[in-house]
């Protein structure tokens, strides 16, 4: 049996790639509409191959970097939402010159992110807090998913307490949502500058923590173009 890893789709087919990494819950179906015919670059999505297994942020980052290296991709832009942004940070530190840049969405930098109290909530309250879809929150499967979410929050808290932090040699774009407690403050987002030797740009958009699911493809591609003139 192969070890758990990220599965990237569509599959790599060129030397350069853009990869979206989701946060808790791993929702990525909305990425499909970013890839309408004629849209470039293609946005690939990374999903963990064993959704009910909960690896650490560091392990996920190492796995994603290993996958990129094994693929032959020589230039990659990573786009991470929420905890996925931290996975991108950990992957980026391992990718070296392959990394063209990182877009972090709805996530303060580690040193500005408070430890999460959500792991202490009852199942239904936790589901409401993270805006879980009805097909989970309204069924008997909720208890199993709630155990998964709690495990992820415990691992997130463990990561936030770790040191030292990665510093990437690539530009970054930090995107916050005005109604999101995890990213509404532009000053906090500006502290992502501690994690890169390259340039940082900060943007605020309307919406809450799941704003990424409604984000227009042209908006995301605009941020990607800030990282690399060729927009990979």
Protein backbone atom coordinates (compact mmCIF):
# COMPACT_ATOMS: atom_id res chain seq x y z
CA UNK A 1 0.00 0.00 0.00
CA UNK A 2 1.34 3.41 -0.96
CA UNK A 3 1.75 5.94 1.86
CA UNK A 4 -0.79 8.75 2.14
CA UNK A 5 0.09 11.72 0.00
CA UNK A 6 -1.38 14.58 -1.97
CA UNK A 7 -3.11 13.81 -5.26
CA UNK A 8 -2.90 16.69 -7.73
CA UNK A 9 -5.49 17.10 -10.47
CA UNK A 10 -5.41 17.75 -13.34
CA UNK A 11 -2.16 15.79 -13.52
CA UNK A 12 1.07 17.66 -14.21
CA UNK A 13 1.70 18.05 -17.93
CA UNK A 14 4.31 20.82 -18.17
CA UNK A 15 7.38 22.18 -16.43
CA UNK A 16 5.37 24.82 -14.57
CA UNK A 17 2.27 24.57 -12.41
CA UNK A 18 -0.12 26.40 -10.10
CA UNK A 19 -1.44 24.29 -7.21
CA UNK A 20 -4.32 25.13 -4.86
CA UNK A 21 -4.05 23.62 -1.36
CA UNK A 22 -7.27 23.62 0.72
CA UNK A 23 -7.57 24.08 4.45
CA UNK A 24 -9.54 22.12 6.99
CA UNK A 25 -12.19 19.98 5.33
CA UNK A 26 -10.32 19.84 2.03
CA UNK A 27 -13.08 21.28 -0.17
CA UNK A 28 -11.81 21.84 -3.72
CA UNK A 29 -14.68 21.17 -6.16
CA UNK A 30 -15.05 24.91 -6.78
CA UNK A 31 -11.59 24.93 -8.40
CA UNK A 32 -13.16 23.40 -11.52
CA UNK A 33 -14.82 26.67 -12.48
CA UNK A 34 -11.44 28.44 -12.38
CA UNK A 35 -10.44 26.33 -15.36
CA UNK A 36 -13.00 27.19 -18.00
CA UNK A 37 -11.77 26.61 -21.57
CA UNK A 38 -9.22 29.22 -22.57
CA UNK A 39 -8.25 30.11 -19.01
CA UNK A 40 -4.54 30.12 -18.31
CA UNK A 41 -2.71 29.06 -16.24
CA UNK A 42 -4.53 25.89 -15.21
CA UNK A 43 -5.19 25.83 -11.45
CA UNK A 44 -4.52 22.35 -10.11
CA UNK A 45 -5.95 21.16 -6.82
CA UNK A 46 -4.18 19.12 -4.18
CA UNK A 47 -6.27 16.66 -2.15
CA UNK A 48 -4.99 14.39 0.60
CA UNK A 49 -5.30 10.77 -0.53
CA UNK A 50 -6.66 9.56 2.82
CA UNK A 51 -9.18 12.22 3.96
CA UNK A 52 -9.85 10.58 7.33
CA UNK A 53 -6.14 10.47 8.23
CA UNK A 54 -4.80 13.62 9.87
CA UNK A 55 -1.11 14.31 9.22
CA UNK A 56 0.72 17.31 10.68
CA UNK A 57 1.18 20.58 8.79
CA UNK A 58 4.89 19.77 8.43
CA UNK A 59 4.16 16.31 7.03
CA UNK A 60 1.69 17.68 4.52
CA UNK A 61 4.17 20.31 3.37
CA UNK A 62 6.93 17.74 2.97
CA UNK A 63 4.60 15.43 1.04
CA UNK A 64 3.51 18.18 -1.35
CA UNK A 65 7.11 19.27 -1.98
CA UNK A 66 8.15 15.68 -2.63
CA UNK A 67 5.32 15.25 -5.11
CA UNK A 68 6.33 18.39 -7.02
CA UNK A 69 9.98 17.36 -7.10
CA UNK A 70 9.14 13.85 -8.35
CA UNK A 71 6.89 15.27 -11.09
CA UNK A 72 9.66 17.09 -12.90
CA UNK A 73 7.94 20.47 -12.43
CA UNK A 74 10.63 23.15 -12.28
CA UNK A 75 8.47 26.18 -11.46
CA UNK A 76 5.46 26.18 -9.14
CA UNK A 77 3.12 28.73 -7.61
CA UNK A 78 1.36 27.52 -4.45
CA UNK A 79 -2.04 28.91 -3.47
CA UNK A 80 -3.18 28.02 0.05
CA UNK A 81 -6.47 28.70 1.80
CA UNK A 82 -6.60 28.84 5.61
CA UNK A 83 -4.50 26.00 7.04
CA UNK A 84 -3.54 25.18 3.45
CA UNK A 85 -1.54 28.41 3.46
CA UNK A 86 0.62 26.99 6.26
CA UNK A 87 1.06 23.78 4.27
CA UNK A 88 2.26 25.93 1.36
CA UNK A 89 4.73 27.65 3.66
CA UNK A 90 6.16 24.29 4.72
CA UNK A 91 6.22 22.97 1.15
CA UNK A 92 7.84 26.17 -0.06
CA UNK A 93 10.77 25.87 2.33
CA UNK A 94 11.59 22.50 0.76
CA UNK A 95 11.15 23.50 -2.90
CA UNK A 96 14.05 25.95 -3.14
CA UNK A 97 14.46 27.37 -6.63
CA UNK A 98 11.40 25.56 -7.93
CA UNK A 99 9.14 27.94 -5.97
CA UNK A 100 7.95 30.93 -8.02
CA UNK A 101 5.71 32.37 -5.29
CA UNK A 102 2.92 31.77 -2.81
CA UNK A 103 -0.62 33.17 -2.47
CA UNK A 104 -2.01 32.83 1.07
CA UNK A 105 -5.76 33.35 1.48
CA UNK A 106 -7.66 33.88 4.77
CA UNK A 107 -4.72 33.04 7.01
CA UNK A 108 -2.60 35.26 9.23
CA UNK A 109 1.10 34.38 9.48
CA UNK A 110 1.89 31.80 12.17
CA UNK A 111 3.15 34.23 14.80
CA UNK A 112 -0.02 36.35 14.44
CA UNK A 113 -2.43 33.39 14.53
CA UNK A 114 -3.88 32.66 18.01
CA UNK A 115 -4.27 29.10 19.17
CA UNK A 116 -7.71 27.84 18.15
CA UNK A 117 -10.35 27.03 20.80
CA UNK A 118 -12.58 25.29 18.24
CA UNK A 119 -11.44 21.78 19.20
CA UNK A 120 -13.38 22.20 22.45
CA UNK A 121 -16.77 22.83 20.78
CA UNK A 122 -19.57 20.22 20.62
CA UNK A 123 -20.03 18.53 17.24
CA UNK A 124 -22.85 20.67 15.88
CA UNK A 125 -21.41 23.95 17.13
CA UNK A 126 -18.08 23.05 15.54
CA UNK A 127 -19.80 22.24 12.24
CA UNK A 128 -21.59 25.60 12.29
CA UNK A 129 -18.38 27.46 13.13
CA UNK A 130 -16.48 26.04 10.17
CA UNK A 131 -19.49 26.28 7.82
CA UNK A 132 -19.62 22.54 7.17
CA UNK A 133 -21.86 21.54 4.24
CA UNK A 134 -25.38 20.28 5.11
CA UNK A 135 -24.72 16.76 3.83
CA UNK A 136 -22.28 16.39 6.74
CA UNK A 137 -23.69 18.54 9.53
CA UNK A 138 -27.18 17.09 9.16
CA UNK A 139 -26.31 13.39 9.20
CA UNK A 140 -25.02 10.68 11.53
CA UNK A 141 -21.58 11.09 9.91
CA UNK A 142 -21.13 14.35 11.82
CA UNK A 143 -19.52 12.66 14.83
CA UNK A 144 -16.78 11.09 12.70
CA UNK A 145 -16.09 14.32 10.86
CA UNK A 146 -16.06 16.29 14.12
CA UNK A 147 -13.35 13.97 15.47
CA UNK A 148 -11.36 14.64 12.31
CA UNK A 149 -11.77 18.40 12.58
CA UNK A 150 -10.74 18.40 16.24
CA UNK A 151 -7.62 16.43 15.38
CA UNK A 152 -6.74 18.96 12.69
CA UNK A 153 -7.18 21.88 15.08
CA UNK A 154 -4.96 20.16 17.64
CA UNK A 155 -2.28 19.71 14.97
CA UNK A 156 -2.72 23.32 13.85
CA UNK A 157 -2.17 24.52 17.42
CA UNK A 158 0.92 22.34 17.72
CA UNK A 159 2.31 23.86 14.53
CA UNK A 160 1.63 27.41 15.72
CA UNK A 161 3.70 26.70 18.82
CA UNK A 162 6.67 25.39 16.81
CA UNK A 163 9.88 27.23 15.95
CA UNK A 164 11.85 28.27 13.91
CA UNK A 165 9.67 29.54 11.09
CA UNK A 166 10.43 29.06 7.38
CA UNK A 167 11.61 32.04 5.33
CA UNK A 168 10.97 31.64 1.61
CA UNK A 169 13.11 33.05 -1.17
CA UNK A 170 10.09 33.89 -3.32
CA UNK A 171 7.43 36.64 -3.50
CA UNK A 172 4.13 36.32 -1.66
CA UNK A 173 0.58 37.65 -1.94
CA UNK A 174 -1.50 37.73 1.26
CA UNK A 175 -5.28 37.97 0.83
CA UNK A 176 -7.70 38.69 3.65
CA UNK A 177 -11.50 38.79 3.85
CA UNK A 178 -13.13 41.69 5.66
CA UNK A 179 -15.67 39.50 7.51
CA UNK A 180 -13.16 36.80 8.45
CA UNK A 181 -11.70 36.77 11.96
CA UNK A 182 -8.66 34.93 10.56
CA UNK A 183 -7.66 37.55 8.02
CA UNK A 184 -9.50 40.88 8.20
CA UNK A 185 -6.57 42.94 9.57
CA UNK A 186 -4.23 44.25 6.85
CA UNK A 187 -1.48 44.99 9.39
CA UNK A 188 -1.45 41.34 10.51
CA UNK A 189 -1.42 40.19 6.90
CA UNK A 190 1.53 42.49 6.30
CA UNK A 191 3.54 40.46 8.78
CA UNK A 192 3.81 37.72 6.17
CA UNK A 193 6.82 39.83 5.14
CA UNK A 194 8.76 38.02 7.88
CA UNK A 195 8.40 34.78 5.93
CA UNK A 196 9.89 35.86 2.62
CA UNK A 197 13.01 37.53 1.32
CA UNK A 198 10.97 38.62 -1.70
CA UNK A 199 8.24 41.21 -2.11
CA UNK A 200 4.86 40.97 -0.40
CA UNK A 201 1.56 42.45 -1.56
CA UNK A 202 -1.58 42.52 0.59
CA UNK A 203 -5.20 42.55 -0.59
CA UNK A 204 -8.53 42.67 1.24
CA UNK A 205 -11.74 41.42 -0.36
CA UNK A 206 -15.37 41.35 0.74
CA UNK A 207 -16.63 38.12 2.30
CA UNK A 208 -15.99 35.63 5.07
CA UNK A 209 -13.60 32.75 5.64
CA UNK A 210 -14.96 30.67 2.74
CA UNK A 211 -14.72 33.55 0.26
CA UNK A 212 -12.32 31.43 -1.80
CA UNK A 213 -15.26 29.25 -2.88
CA UNK A 214 -16.90 32.22 -4.62
CA UNK A 215 -13.73 33.86 -5.90
CA UNK A 216 -13.62 34.76 -9.57
CA UNK A 217 -10.93 33.07 -11.64
CA UNK A 218 -9.76 36.41 -13.01
CA UNK A 219 -9.20 37.68 -9.46
CA UNK A 220 -7.00 34.75 -8.48
CA UNK A 221 -5.08 34.88 -11.75
CA UNK A 222 -4.42 38.57 -11.15
CA UNK A 223 -2.71 37.75 -7.86
CA UNK A 224 -0.72 34.95 -9.50
CA UNK A 225 0.47 37.41 -12.15
CA UNK A 226 1.85 39.62 -9.37
CA UNK A 227 4.17 36.78 -8.39
CA UNK A 228 5.58 36.04 -11.82
CA UNK A 229 5.25 38.10 -15.01
CA UNK A 230 4.80 34.95 -17.07
CA UNK A 231 1.93 33.88 -14.76
CA UNK A 232 3.29 30.33 -15.14
